Amino acid sequence: MAAQDKTAVAVVTEEFVPLAEIMARNLERSGLRLCVLPYPLDTRPEPEVRQIAHDFWPSLMDSLGVPS
C-alpha cells in the first residue's frame, strides 16, 4: 500500500498485536498503523460487539486520515 501512496490500517484484537507487528516488520512495513480492538470478540453478545465497533470507529477513521 505504501508504494501506492495509500493509507492502510490493520484492525486486530489485543491478542494478535504481536503477530501483526511481526508480520508488518517481515514485510518491511514497520510503520503499519494498528487499530486494536478488545479480545475476544467472537464470544461477546452482538450488541456489545456493535458498541465496540461504534466506539472504535472514530479512531479508525482518524488513523486513515479521514476528517471527522
Protein backbone atom coordinates (compact mmCIF):
# COMPACT_ATOMS: atom_id res chain seq x y z
CA MET A 1 0.00 0.00 0.00
CA ALA A 2 2.75 2.44 0.88
CA ALA A 3 4.27 2.01 -2.56
CA GLN A 4 0.92 3.05 -4.00
CA ASP A 5 0.78 6.05 -1.65
CA LYS A 6 -2.33 4.72 0.12
CA THR A 7 -3.04 4.71 3.82
CA ALA A 8 -3.52 1.34 5.46
CA VAL A 9 -4.59 0.38 8.95
CA ALA A 10 -4.68 -3.19 10.24
CA VAL A 11 -7.60 -3.90 12.55
CA VAL A 12 -6.69 -6.57 15.10
CA THR A 13 -7.75 -7.68 18.54
CA GLU A 14 -5.37 -7.33 21.50
CA GLU A 15 -4.40 -10.99 21.25
CA PHE A 16 -2.98 -10.56 17.74
CA VAL A 17 -0.96 -7.35 18.16
CA PRO A 18 2.39 -9.18 18.46
CA LEU A 19 1.65 -11.21 15.32
CA ALA A 20 0.59 -8.10 13.39
CA GLU A 21 3.80 -6.33 14.41
CA ILE A 22 5.96 -9.29 13.37
CA MET A 23 4.18 -9.59 10.02
CA ALA A 24 4.50 -5.85 9.37
CA ARG A 25 8.20 -5.95 10.20
CA ASN A 26 8.77 -9.01 7.98
CA LEU A 27 7.02 -7.23 5.10
CA GLU A 28 9.10 -4.10 5.73
CA ARG A 29 6.05 -2.17 6.85
CA SER A 30 7.16 -1.44 10.41
CA GLY A 31 5.14 1.79 10.42
CA LEU A 32 1.86 -0.03 9.81
CA ARG A 33 -0.86 1.55 11.90
CA LEU A 34 -2.92 -0.72 14.09
CA CYS A 35 -6.44 -0.27 15.38
CA VAL A 36 -6.57 -2.58 18.38
CA LEU A 37 -9.93 -3.93 19.48
CA PRO A 38 -10.62 -5.79 22.71
CA TYR A 39 -10.21 -9.56 22.80
CA PRO A 40 -12.18 -11.71 22.36
CA LEU A 41 -14.95 -10.50 20.10
CA ASP A 42 -16.46 -13.82 19.00
CA THR A 43 -17.86 -14.73 22.42
CA ARG A 44 -19.40 -11.34 23.16
CA PRO A 45 -23.09 -10.66 22.59
CA GLU A 46 -23.83 -8.88 19.31
CA PRO A 47 -24.97 -5.64 20.98
CA GLU A 48 -21.64 -5.43 22.80
CA VAL A 49 -19.68 -6.01 19.59
CA ARG A 50 -21.72 -3.33 17.85
CA GLN A 51 -20.93 -0.92 20.69
CA ILE A 52 -17.22 -1.71 20.40
CA ALA A 53 -17.41 -1.01 16.65
CA HIS A 54 -19.21 2.25 17.33
CA ASP A 55 -16.65 3.27 19.96
CA PHE A 56 -13.60 2.46 17.82
CA TRP A 57 -14.92 3.88 14.53
CA PRO A 58 -13.67 7.46 15.17
CA SER A 59 -10.11 6.35 15.96
CA LEU A 60 -10.07 4.10 12.90
CA MET A 61 -11.19 6.96 10.67
CA ASP A 62 -8.60 9.22 12.29
CA SER A 63 -5.87 6.64 11.59
CA LEU A 64 -6.93 6.62 7.95
CA GLY A 65 -6.76 10.41 7.81
CA VAL A 66 -10.50 10.84 7.31
CA PRO A 67 -11.65 14.15 8.79
CA SER A 68 -14.32 13.83 11.45
